[in-house]
């Protein structure tokens, strides 16, 4: 999915982008230290675009490549250190293509 061009996202927006429930986003935040949302004075989470990109990569590792949490954590560390291509590059393109095909299908139907 294409991430909207915004500076900050609330947890509801992030969960819609990822296609998971907000509690899953909060759990991943606790398990993966690379995701650190900014907290407002009212203690709301505001995720930056880089946080959303990390969460998309995490989702792909867990759901697409079937890594365990520990395996995904290690793979994410390797990706962030530059030891591997991010799976988000390929999966993000496929998600875009799938979304565009659905839009075309709706127009044609």
PDB file of N, CA and C in Angstrom:
ATOM      1  N   UNK A   1       0.837  -1.189   0.000  1.00  0.00           N
ATOM      2  CA  UNK A   1       0.000   0.000   0.000  1.00  0.00           C
ATOM      3  C   UNK A   1       0.874   1.241   0.000  1.00  0.00           C
ATOM      4  N   UNK A   2       0.396   2.250  -0.639  1.00  0.00           N
ATOM      5  CA  UNK A   2       1.109   3.520  -0.683  1.00  0.00           C
ATOM      6  C   UNK A   2       0.849   4.265   0.618  1.00  0.00           C
ATOM      7  N   UNK A   3       1.914   4.743   1.202  1.00  0.00           N
ATOM      8  CA  UNK A   3       1.802   5.501   2.445  1.00  0.00           C
ATOM      9  C   UNK A   3       1.490   6.954   2.071  1.00  0.00           C
ATOM     10  N   UNK A   4       0.416   7.518   2.610  1.00  0.00           N
ATOM     11  CA  UNK A   4       0.094   8.919   2.300  1.00  0.00           C
ATOM     12  C   UNK A   4       1.252   9.852   2.663  1.00  0.00           C
ATOM     13  N   UNK A   5       1.330  10.952   1.960  1.00  0.00           N
ATOM     14  CA  UNK A   5       2.414  11.910   2.174  1.00  0.00           C
ATOM     15  C   UNK A   5       2.047  12.837   3.329  1.00  0.00           C
ATOM     16  N   UNK A   6       2.266  12.341   4.544  1.00  0.00           N
ATOM     17  CA  UNK A   6       2.011  13.103   5.768  1.00  0.00           C
ATOM     18  C   UNK A   6       3.210  12.948   6.678  1.00  0.00           C
ATOM     19  N   UNK A   7       3.355  13.856   7.623  1.00  0.00           N
ATOM     20  CA  UNK A   7       4.449  13.757   8.579  1.00  0.00           C
ATOM     21  C   UNK A   7       4.136  12.782   9.710  1.00  0.00           C
ATOM     22  N   UNK A   8       2.900  12.798  10.192  1.00  0.00           N
ATOM     23  CA  UNK A   8       2.524  11.968  11.334  1.00  0.00           C
ATOM     24  C   UNK A   8       1.209  11.251  11.068  1.00  0.00           C
ATOM     25  N   UNK A   9       1.093  10.058  11.646  1.00  0.00           N
ATOM     26  CA  UNK A   9      -0.108   9.236  11.509  1.00  0.00           C
ATOM     27  C   UNK A   9      -0.556   8.778  12.888  1.00  0.00           C
ATOM     28  N   UNK A  10      -1.847   8.790  13.121  1.00  0.00           N
ATOM     29  CA  UNK A  10      -2.385   8.241  14.364  1.00  0.00           C
ATOM     30  C   UNK A  10      -2.490   6.739  14.228  1.00  0.00           C
ATOM     31  N   UNK A  11      -2.636   6.055  15.355  1.00  0.00           N
ATOM     32  CA  UNK A  11      -2.612   4.600  15.344  1.00  0.00           C
ATOM     33  C   UNK A  11      -3.739   4.004  14.494  1.00  0.00           C
ATOM     34  N   UNK A  12      -4.888   4.660  14.456  1.00  0.00           N
ATOM     35  CA  UNK A  12      -5.985   4.170  13.623  1.00  0.00           C
ATOM     36  C   UNK A  12      -5.635   4.204  12.143  1.00  0.00           C
ATOM     37  N   UNK A  13      -4.968   5.282  11.725  1.00  0.00           N
ATOM     38  CA  UNK A  13      -4.534   5.386  10.330  1.00  0.00           C
ATOM     39  C   UNK A  13      -3.492   4.324  10.008  1.00  0.00           C
ATOM     40  N   UNK A  14      -2.564   4.114  10.929  1.00  0.00           N
ATOM     41  CA  UNK A  14      -1.510   3.121  10.728  1.00  0.00           C
ATOM     42  C   UNK A  14      -2.121   1.723  10.628  1.00  0.00           C
ATOM     43  N   UNK A  15      -3.080   1.424  11.484  1.00  0.00           N
ATOM     44  CA  UNK A  15      -3.685   0.094  11.453  1.00  0.00           C
ATOM     45  C   UNK A  15      -4.437  -0.132  10.141  1.00  0.00           C
ATOM     46  N   UNK A  16      -5.057   0.911   9.586  1.00  0.00           N
ATOM     47  CA  UNK A  16      -5.739   0.781   8.286  1.00  0.00           C
ATOM     48  C   UNK A  16      -4.737   0.574   7.162  1.00  0.00           C
ATOM     49  N   UNK A  17      -3.632   1.305   7.194  1.00  0.00           N
ATOM     50  CA  UNK A  17      -2.594   1.151   6.176  1.00  0.00           C
ATOM     51  C   UNK A  17      -2.040  -0.268   6.199  1.00  0.00           C
ATOM     52  N   UNK A  18      -1.807  -0.789   7.407  1.00  0.00           N
ATOM     53  CA  UNK A  18      -1.229  -2.118   7.546  1.00  0.00           C
ATOM     54  C   UNK A  18      -2.246  -3.233   7.375  1.00  0.00           C
ATOM     55  N   UNK A  19      -3.512  -2.927   7.614  1.00  0.00           N
ATOM     56  CA  UNK A  19      -4.538  -3.961   7.544  1.00  0.00           C
ATOM     57  C   UNK A  19      -4.554  -4.866   8.762  1.00  0.00           C
ATOM     58  N   UNK A  20      -4.170  -4.305   9.917  1.00  0.00           N
ATOM     59  CA  UNK A  20      -4.191  -5.051  11.181  1.00  0.00           C
ATOM     60  C   UNK A  20      -4.899  -4.198  12.231  1.00  0.00           C
ATOM     61  N   UNK A  21      -5.243  -4.816  13.332  1.00  0.00           N
ATOM     62  CA  UNK A  21      -5.893  -4.099  14.429  1.00  0.00           C
ATOM     63  C   UNK A  21      -4.877  -3.225  15.177  1.00  0.00           C
ATOM     64  N   UNK A  22      -5.336  -2.148  15.825  1.00  0.00           N
ATOM     65  CA  UNK A  22      -4.419  -1.273  16.572  1.00  0.00           C
ATOM     66  C   UNK A  22      -3.620  -2.000  17.663  1.00  0.00           C
ATOM     67  N   UNK A  23      -4.218  -3.014  18.300  1.00  0.00           N
ATOM     68  CA  UNK A  23      -3.465  -3.718  19.342  1.00  0.00           C
ATOM     69  C   UNK A  23      -2.258  -4.452  18.760  1.00  0.00           C
ATOM     70  N   UNK A  24      -2.351  -4.870  17.497  1.00  0.00           N
ATOM     71  CA  UNK A  24      -1.213  -5.530  16.839  1.00  0.00           C
ATOM     72  C   UNK A  24      -0.089  -4.517  16.634  1.00  0.00           C
ATOM     73  N   UNK A  25      -0.444  -3.307  16.225  1.00  0.00           N
ATOM     74  CA  UNK A  25       0.546  -2.242  16.042  1.00  0.00           C
ATOM     75  C   UNK A  25       1.241  -1.949  17.373  1.00  0.00           C
ATOM     76  N   UNK A  26       0.464  -1.855  18.445  1.00  0.00           N
ATOM     77  CA  UNK A  26       1.054  -1.597  19.772  1.00  0.00           C
ATOM     78  C   UNK A  26       1.968  -2.743  20.195  1.00  0.00           C
ATOM     79  N   UNK A  27       1.563  -3.980  19.898  1.00  0.00           N
ATOM     80  CA  UNK A  27       2.399  -5.137  20.252  1.00  0.00           C
ATOM     81  C   UNK A  27       3.713  -5.099  19.476  1.00  0.00           C
ATOM     82  N   UNK A  28       3.646  -4.842  18.173  1.00  0.00           N
ATOM     83  CA  UNK A  28       4.868  -4.764  17.371  1.00  0.00           C
ATOM     84  C   UNK A  28       5.762  -3.643  17.866  1.00  0.00           C
ATOM     85  N   UNK A  29       5.162  -2.559  18.286  1.00  0.00           N
ATOM     86  CA  UNK A  29       5.933  -1.445  18.841  1.00  0.00           C
ATOM     87  C   UNK A  29       6.721  -1.892  20.065  1.00  0.00           C
ATOM     88  N   UNK A  30       6.104  -2.749  20.881  1.00  0.00           N
ATOM     89  CA  UNK A  30       6.797  -3.228  22.088  1.00  0.00           C
ATOM     90  C   UNK A  30       7.879  -4.254  21.763  1.00  0.00           C
ATOM     91  N   UNK A  31       7.713  -4.985  20.681  1.00  0.00           N
ATOM     92  CA  UNK A  31       8.666  -6.044  20.319  1.00  0.00           C
ATOM     93  C   UNK A  31       9.827  -5.554  19.454  1.00  0.00           C
ATOM     94  N   UNK A  32       9.588  -4.544  18.646  1.00  0.00           N
ATOM     95  CA  UNK A  32      10.588  -4.050  17.711  1.00  0.00           C
ATOM     96  C   UNK A  32      10.963  -2.626  18.099  1.00  0.00           C
ATOM     97  N   UNK A  33      12.151  -2.471  18.614  1.00  0.00           N
ATOM     98  CA  UNK A  33      12.589  -1.181  19.160  1.00  0.00           C
ATOM     99  C   UNK A  33      12.842  -0.120  18.085  1.00  0.00           C
ATOM    100  N   UNK A  34      12.810  -0.504  16.819  1.00  0.00           N
ATOM    101  CA  UNK A  34      13.023   0.486  15.757  1.00  0.00           C
ATOM    102  C   UNK A  34      11.783   1.331  15.524  1.00  0.00           C
ATOM    103  N   UNK A  35      10.649   0.899  16.063  1.00  0.00           N
ATOM    104  CA  UNK A  35       9.402   1.653  15.922  1.00  0.00           C
ATOM    105  C   UNK A  35       9.177   2.420  17.214  1.00  0.00           C
ATOM    106  N   UNK A  36       9.358   3.719  17.151  1.00  0.00           N
ATOM    107  CA  UNK A  36       9.206   4.573  18.319  1.00  0.00           C
ATOM    108  C   UNK A  36       8.351   5.771  17.974  1.00  0.00           C
ATOM    109  N   UNK A  37       7.036   5.677  18.168  1.00  0.00           N
ATOM    110  CA  UNK A  37       6.196   6.829  17.860  1.00  0.00           C
ATOM    111  C   UNK A  37       6.419   7.964  18.856  1.00  0.00           C
ATOM    112  N   UNK A  38       6.140   9.155  18.391  1.00  0.00           N
ATOM    113  CA  UNK A  38       6.195  10.348  19.238  1.00  0.00           C
ATOM    114  C   UNK A  38       4.931  10.351  20.086  1.00  0.00           C
ATOM    115  N   UNK A  39       5.032  10.783  21.318  1.00  0.00           N
ATOM    116  CA  UNK A  39       3.861  10.875  22.199  1.00  0.00           C
ATOM    117  C   UNK A  39       3.456  12.332  22.354  1.00  0.00           C
ATOM    118  N   UNK A  40       2.158  12.583  22.257  1.00  0.00           N
ATOM    119  CA  UNK A  40       1.650  13.935  22.469  1.00  0.00           C
ATOM    120  C   UNK A  40       1.471  14.160  23.971  1.00  0.00           C
ATOM    121  N   UNK A  41       1.092  15.359  24.343  1.00  0.00           N
ATOM    122  CA  UNK A  41       0.848  15.654  25.766  1.00  0.00           C
ATOM    123  C   UNK A  41      -0.282  14.816  26.321  1.00  0.00           C
ATOM    124  N   UNK A  42      -1.238  14.473  25.451  1.00  0.00           N
ATOM    125  CA  UNK A  42      -2.357  13.633  25.896  1.00  0.00           C
ATOM    126  C   UNK A  42      -2.020  12.145  25.747  1.00  0.00           C
ATOM    127  N   UNK A  43      -0.751  11.824  25.507  1.00  0.00           N
ATOM    128  CA  UNK A  43      -0.212  10.463  25.438  1.00  0.00           C
ATOM    129  C   UNK A  43      -0.695   9.675  24.219  1.00  0.00           C
ATOM    130  N   UNK A  44      -1.100  10.386  23.162  1.00  0.00           N
ATOM    131  CA  UNK A  44      -1.440   9.699  21.916  1.00  0.00           C
ATOM    132  C   UNK A  44      -0.168   9.389  21.148  1.00  0.00           C
ATOM    133  N   UNK A  45      -0.189   8.271  20.450  1.00  0.00           N
ATOM    134  CA  UNK A  45       0.943   7.899  19.614  1.00  0.00           C
ATOM    135  C   UNK A  45       0.818   8.589  18.258  1.00  0.00           C
ATOM    136  N   UNK A  46       1.918   9.171  17.798  1.00  0.00           N
ATOM    137  CA  UNK A  46       1.995   9.725  16.456  1.00  0.00           C
ATOM    138  C   UNK A  46       3.175   9.055  15.759  1.00  0.00           C
ATOM    139  N   UNK A  47       2.863   8.274  14.722  1.00  0.00           N
ATOM    140  CA  UNK A  47       3.882   7.528  13.995  1.00  0.00           C
ATOM    141  C   UNK A  47       4.387   8.354  12.825  1.00  0.00           C
ATOM    142  N   UNK A  48       5.708   8.371  12.663  1.00  0.00           N
ATOM    143  CA  UNK A  48       6.310   9.041  11.512  1.00  0.00           C
ATOM    144  C   UNK A  48       6.264   8.100  10.313  1.00  0.00           C
ATOM    145  N   UNK A  49       6.523   8.638   9.146  1.00  0.00           N
ATOM    146  CA  UNK A  49       6.491   7.831   7.929  1.00  0.00           C
ATOM    147  C   UNK A  49       7.491   6.676   8.016  1.00  0.00           C
ATOM    148  N   UNK A  50       8.665   6.930   8.591  1.00  0.00           N
ATOM    149  CA  UNK A  50       9.670   5.860   8.704  1.00  0.00           C
ATOM    150  C   UNK A  50       9.179   4.752   9.644  1.00  0.00           C
ATOM    151  N   UNK A  51       8.390   5.108  10.663  1.00  0.00           N
ATOM    152  CA  UNK A  51       7.801   4.092  11.545  1.00  0.00           C
ATOM    153  C   UNK A  51       6.828   3.212  10.769  1.00  0.00           C
ATOM    154  N   UNK A  52       6.016   3.840   9.922  1.00  0.00           N
ATOM    155  CA  UNK A  52       5.037   3.090   9.125  1.00  0.00           C
ATOM    156  C   UNK A  52       5.759   2.168   8.148  1.00  0.00           C
ATOM    157  N   UNK A  53       6.845   2.656   7.549  1.00  0.00           N
ATOM    158  CA  UNK A  53       7.629   1.814   6.641  1.00  0.00           C
ATOM    159  C   UNK A  53       8.212   0.617   7.385  1.00  0.00           C
ATOM    160  N   UNK A  54       8.722   0.856   8.602  1.00  0.00           N
ATOM    161  CA  UNK A  54       9.248  -0.246   9.409  1.00  0.00           C
ATOM    162  C   UNK A  54       8.144  -1.254   9.734  1.00  0.00           C
ATOM    163  N   UNK A  55       6.969  -0.749  10.071  1.00  0.00           N
ATOM    164  CA  UNK A  55       5.850  -1.629  10.396  1.00  0.00           C
ATOM    165  C   UNK A  55       5.408  -2.440   9.181  1.00  0.00           C
ATOM    166  N   UNK A  56       5.443  -1.856   7.989  1.00  0.00           N
ATOM    167  CA  UNK A  56       5.123  -2.608   6.778  1.00  0.00           C
ATOM    168  C   UNK A  56       6.139  -3.714   6.537  1.00  0.00           C
ATOM    169  N   UNK A  57       7.402  -3.417   6.783  1.00  0.00           N
ATOM    170  CA  UNK A  57       8.441  -4.433   6.657  1.00  0.00           C
ATOM    171  C   UNK A  57       8.222  -5.543   7.677  1.00  0.00           C
ATOM    172  N   UNK A  58       7.905  -5.173   8.916  1.00  0.00           N
ATOM    173  CA  UNK A  58       7.633  -6.152   9.968  1.00  0.00           C
ATOM    174  C   UNK A  58       6.457  -7.037   9.575  1.00  0.00           C
ATOM    175  N   UNK A  59       5.394  -6.425   9.081  1.00  0.00           N
ATOM    176  CA  UNK A  59       4.220  -7.200   8.671  1.00  0.00           C
ATOM    177  C   UNK A  59       4.603  -8.189   7.579  1.00  0.00           C
ATOM    178  N   UNK A  60       5.383  -7.751   6.603  1.00  0.00           N
ATOM    179  CA  UNK A  60       5.804  -8.640   5.526  1.00  0.00           C
ATOM    180  C   UNK A  60       6.653  -9.798   6.056  1.00  0.00           C
ATOM    181  N   UNK A  61       7.549  -9.496   6.972  1.00  0.00           N
ATOM    182  CA  UNK A  61       8.389 -10.548   7.543  1.00  0.00           C
ATOM    183  C   UNK A  61       7.552 -11.565   8.308  1.00  0.00           C
ATOM    184  N   UNK A  62       6.596 -11.093   9.094  1.00  0.00           N
ATOM    185  CA  UNK A  62       5.794 -11.988   9.930  1.00  0.00           C
ATOM    186  C   UNK A  62       4.734 -12.740   9.134  1.00  0.00           C
ATOM    187  N   UNK A  63       3.998 -12.025   8.285  1.00  0.00           N
ATOM    188  CA  UNK A  63       2.865 -12.637   7.585  1.00  0.00           C
ATOM    189  C   UNK A  63       3.241 -13.173   6.212  1.00  0.00           C
ATOM    190  N   UNK A  64       4.122 -12.463   5.510  1.00  0.00           N
ATOM    191  CA  UNK A  64       4.497 -12.876   4.161  1.00  0.00           C
ATOM    192  C   UNK A  64       5.577 -13.940   4.137  1.00  0.00           C
ATOM    193  N   UNK A  65       6.634 -13.717   4.908  1.00  0.00           N
ATOM    194  CA  UNK A  65       7.762 -14.640   4.908  1.00  0.00           C
ATOM    195  C   UNK A  65       7.730 -15.612   6.082  1.00  0.00           C
ATOM    196  N   UNK A  66       6.710 -15.489   6.921  1.00  0.00           N
ATOM    197  CA  UNK A  66       6.457 -16.436   8.025  1.00  0.00           C
ATOM    198  C   UNK A  66       7.598 -16.531   9.048  1.00  0.00           C
ATOM    199  N   UNK A  67       8.259 -15.408   9.317  1.00  0.00           N
ATOM    200  CA  UNK A  67       9.275 -15.366  10.359  1.00  0.00           C
ATOM    201  C   UNK A  67       8.594 -15.400  11.725  1.00  0.00           C
ATOM    202  N   UNK A  68       9.312 -15.893  12.715  1.00  0.00           N
ATOM    203  CA  UNK A  68       8.870 -15.737  14.096  1.00  0.00           C
ATOM    204  C   UNK A  68       9.206 -14.303  14.517  1.00  0.00           C
ATOM    205  N   UNK A  69       8.725 -13.899  15.681  1.00  0.00           N
ATOM    206  CA  UNK A  69       9.055 -12.550  16.176  1.00  0.00           C
ATOM    207  C   UNK A  69      10.574 -12.401  16.295  1.00  0.00           C
ATOM    208  N   UNK A  70      11.231 -13.401  16.895  1.00  0.00           N
ATOM    209  CA  UNK A  70      12.682 -13.334  17.070  1.00  0.00           C
ATOM    210  C   UNK A  70      13.402 -13.314  15.719  1.00  0.00           C
ATOM    211  N   UNK A  71      12.942 -14.124  14.782  1.00  0.00           N
ATOM    212  CA  UNK A  71      13.548 -14.159  13.455  1.00  0.00           C
ATOM    213  C   UNK A  71      13.344 -12.853  12.707  1.00  0.00           C
ATOM    214  N   UNK A  72      12.147 -12.291  12.827  1.00  0.00           N
ATOM    215  CA  UNK A  72      11.853 -11.017  12.175  1.00  0.00           C
ATOM    216  C   UNK A  72      12.692  -9.905  12.789  1.00  0.00           C
ATOM    217  N   UNK A  73      12.880  -9.953  14.112  1.00  0.00           N
ATOM    218  CA  UNK A  73      13.693  -8.943  14.788  1.00  0.00           C
ATOM    219  C   UNK A  73      15.128  -8.983  14.256  1.00  0.00           C
ATOM    220  N   UNK A  74      15.673 -10.199  14.110  1.00  0.00           N
ATOM    221  CA  UNK A  74      17.040 -10.355  13.610  1.00  0.00           C
ATOM    222  C   UNK A  74      17.139  -9.912  12.153  1.00  0.00           C
ATOM    223  N   UNK A  75      16.180 -10.319  11.350  1.00  0.00           N
ATOM    224  CA  UNK A  75      16.187  -9.946   9.929  1.00  0.00           C
ATOM    225  C   UNK A  75      16.046  -8.436   9.767  1.00  0.00           C
ATOM    226  N   UNK A  76      15.207  -7.820  10.568  1.00  0.00           N
ATOM    227  CA  UNK A  76      15.022  -6.374  10.513  1.00  0.00           C
ATOM    228  C   UNK A  76      16.316  -5.655  10.892  1.00  0.00           C
ATOM    229  N   UNK A  77      17.028  -6.177  11.871  1.00  0.00           N
ATOM    230  CA  UNK A  77      18.324  -5.616  12.256  1.00  0.00           C
ATOM    231  C   UNK A  77      19.298  -5.698  11.093  1.00  0.00           C
ATOM    232  N   UNK A  78      19.323  -6.862  10.408  1.00  0.00           N
ATOM    233  CA  UNK A  78      20.193  -7.027   9.243  1.00  0.00           C
ATOM    234  C   UNK A  78      19.824  -6.047   8.138  1.00  0.00           C
ATOM    235  N   UNK A  79      18.528  -5.895   7.886  1.00  0.00           N
ATOM    236  CA  UNK A  79      18.067  -4.964   6.852  1.00  0.00           C
ATOM    237  C   UNK A  79      18.479  -3.542   7.198  1.00  0.00           C
ATOM    238  N   UNK A  80      18.285  -3.145   8.448  1.00  0.00           N
ATOM    239  CA  UNK A  80      18.624  -1.782   8.868  1.00  0.00           C
ATOM    240  C   UNK A  80      20.121  -1.520   8.832  1.00  0.00           C
ATOM    241  N   UNK A  81      20.912  -2.560   8.973  1.00  0.00           N
ATOM    242  CA  UNK A  81      22.374  -2.408   8.901  1.00  0.00           C
ATOM    243  C   UNK A  81      22.870  -2.484   7.461  1.00  0.00           C
ATOM    244  N   UNK A  82      21.966  -2.726   6.525  1.00  0.00           N
ATOM    245  CA  UNK A  82      22.357  -2.767   5.119  1.00  0.00           C
ATOM    246  C   UNK A  82      22.831  -4.116   4.643  1.00  0.00           C
ATOM    247  N   UNK A  83      22.510  -5.186   5.372  1.00  0.00           N
ATOM    248  CA  UNK A  83      22.961  -6.527   4.987  1.00  0.00           C
ATOM    249  C   UNK A  83      21.959  -7.264   4.112  1.00  0.00           C
ATOM    250  N   UNK A  84      20.942  -6.584   3.682  1.00  0.00           N
ATOM    251  CA  UNK A  84      19.956  -7.254   2.841  1.00  0.00           C
ATOM    252  C   UNK A  84      18.998  -6.243   2.253  1.00  0.00           C
ATOM    253  N   UNK A  85      18.400  -6.639   1.162  1.00  0.00           N
ATOM    254  CA  UNK A  85      17.385  -5.776   0.559  1.00  0.00           C
ATOM    255  C   UNK A  85      16.123  -5.868   1.381  1.00  0.00           C
ATOM    256  N   UNK A  86      15.474  -4.783   1.505  1.00  0.00           N
ATOM    257  CA  UNK A  86      14.232  -4.771   2.255  1.00  0.00           C
ATOM    258  C   UNK A  86      13.142  -5.481   1.468  1.00  0.00           C
ATOM    259  N   UNK A  87      12.463  -6.420   2.079  1.00  0.00           N
ATOM    260  CA  UNK A  87      11.383  -7.106   1.387  1.00  0.00           C
ATOM    261  C   UNK A  87      10.228  -6.167   1.072  1.00  0.00           C
ATOM    262  N   UNK A  88      10.205  -5.006   1.709  1.00  0.00           N
ATOM    263  CA  UNK A  88       9.148  -4.032   1.461  1.00  0.00           C
ATOM    264  C   UNK A  88       9.204  -3.527   0.026  1.00  0.00           C
ATOM    265  N   UNK A  89      10.406  -3.452  -0.543  1.00  0.00           N
ATOM    266  CA  UNK A  89      10.526  -2.956  -1.907  1.00  0.00           C
ATOM    267  C   UNK A  89       9.675  -3.784  -2.862  1.00  0.00           C
ATOM    268  N   UNK A  90       9.852  -5.124  -2.818  1.00  0.00           N
ATOM    269  CA  UNK A  90       9.087  -5.985  -3.708  1.00  0.00           C
ATOM    270  C   UNK A  90       7.634  -6.101  -3.272  1.00  0.00           C
ATOM    271  N   UNK A  91       7.385  -6.302  -1.992  1.00  0.00           N
ATOM    272  CA  UNK A  91       6.002  -6.485  -1.543  1.00  0.00           C
ATOM    273  C   UNK A  91       5.206  -5.197  -1.700  1.00  0.00           C
ATOM    274  N   UNK A  92       5.848  -4.059  -1.505  1.00  0.00           N
ATOM    275  CA  UNK A  92       5.165  -2.787  -1.679  1.00  0.00           C
ATOM    276  C   UNK A  92       4.715  -2.589  -3.115  1.00  0.00           C
ATOM    277  N   UNK A  93       5.564  -3.007  -4.062  1.00  0.00           N
ATOM    278  CA  UNK A  93       5.199  -2.904  -5.468  1.00  0.00           C
ATOM    279  C   UNK A  93       4.020  -3.821  -5.784  1.00  0.00           C
ATOM    280  N   UNK A  94       4.072  -5.036  -5.242  1.00  0.00           N
ATOM    281  CA  UNK A  94       2.985  -5.982  -5.485  1.00  0.00           C
ATOM    282  C   UNK A  94       1.673  -5.495  -4.881  1.00  0.00           C
ATOM    283  N   UNK A  95       1.749  -4.911  -3.715  1.00  0.00           N
ATOM    284  CA  UNK A  95       0.540  -4.387  -3.071  1.00  0.00           C
ATOM    285  C   UNK A  95      -0.039  -3.254  -3.912  1.00  0.00           C
ATOM    286  N   UNK A  96       0.835  -2.397  -4.446  1.00  0.00           N
ATOM    287  CA  UNK A  96       0.374  -1.309  -5.317  1.00  0.00           C
ATOM    288  C   UNK A  96      -0.313  -1.855  -6.565  1.00  0.00           C
ATOM    289  N   UNK A  97       0.306  -2.854  -7.169  1.00  0.00           N
ATOM    290  CA  UNK A  97      -0.272  -3.453  -8.377  1.00  0.00           C
ATOM    291  C   UNK A  97      -1.631  -4.056  -8.064  1.00  0.00           C
ATOM    292  N   UNK A  98      -1.724  -4.766  -6.954  1.00  0.00           N
ATOM    293  CA  UNK A  98      -2.990  -5.392  -6.557  1.00  0.00           C
ATOM    294  C   UNK A  98      -4.071  -4.342  -6.332  1.00  0.00           C
ATOM    295  N   UNK A  99      -3.710  -3.246  -5.666  1.00  0.00           N
ATOM    296  CA  UNK A  99      -4.671  -2.169  -5.409  1.00  0.00           C
ATOM    297  C   UNK A  99      -5.144  -1.551  -6.722  1.00  0.00           C
ATOM    298  N   UNK A 100      -4.212  -1.313  -7.640  1.00  0.00           N
ATOM    299  CA  UNK A 100      -4.569  -0.716  -8.927  1.00  0.00           C
ATOM    300  C   UNK A 100      -5.455  -1.653  -9.743  1.00  0.00           C
ATOM    301  N   UNK A 101      -5.177  -2.949  -9.681  1.00  0.00           N
ATOM    302  CA  UNK A 101      -6.020  -3.917 -10.393  1.00  0.00           C
ATOM    303  C   UNK A 101      -7.441  -3.927  -9.822  1.00  0.00           C
ATOM    304  N   UNK A 102      -7.558  -3.815  -8.510  1.00  0.00           N
ATOM    305  CA  UNK A 102      -8.886  -3.753  -7.889  1.00  0.00           C
ATOM    306  C   UNK A 102      -9.639  -2.506  -8.340  1.00  0.00           C
ATOM    307  N   UNK A 103      -8.931  -1.378  -8.432  1.00  0.00           N
ATOM    308  CA  UNK A 103      -9.555  -0.136  -8.892  1.00  0.00           C
ATOM    309  C   UNK A 103     -10.040  -0.286 -10.328  1.00  0.00           C
ATOM    310  N   UNK A 104      -9.233  -0.908 -11.167  1.00  0.00           N
ATOM    311  CA  UNK A 104      -9.617  -1.133 -12.563  1.00  0.00           C
ATOM    312  C   UNK A 104     -10.835  -2.047 -12.627  1.00  0.00           C
ATOM    313  N   UNK A 105     -10.841  -3.087 -11.794  1.00  0.00           N
ATOM    314  CA  UNK A 105     -11.966  -4.025 -11.756  1.00  0.00           C
ATOM    315  C   UNK A 105     -13.259  -3.311 -11.380  1.00  0.00           C
ATOM    316  N   UNK A 106     -13.181  -2.390 -10.408  1.00  0.00           N
ATOM    317  CA  UNK A 106     -14.371  -1.635  -9.992  1.00  0.00           C
ATOM    318  C   UNK A 106     -14.869  -0.741 -11.123  1.00  0.00           C
ATOM    319  N   UNK A 107     -13.955  -0.143 -11.866  1.00  0.00           N
ATOM    320  CA  UNK A 107     -14.346   0.734 -12.968  1.00  0.00           C
ATOM    321  C   UNK A 107     -15.005  -0.085 -14.083  1.00  0.00           C
ATOM    322  N   UNK A 108     -14.459  -1.249 -14.376  1.00  0.00           N
ATOM    323  CA  UNK A 108     -14.960  -2.095 -15.451  1.00  0.00           C
ATOM    324  C   UNK A 108     -16.301  -2.737 -15.091  1.00  0.00           C
ATOM    325  N   UNK A 109     -16.469  -3.067 -13.821  1.00  0.00           N
ATOM    326  CA  UNK A 109     -17.709  -3.766 -13.400  1.00  0.00           C
ATOM    327  C   UNK A 109     -18.930  -2.898 -13.472  1.00  0.00           C
TER     328      UNK A 109
END
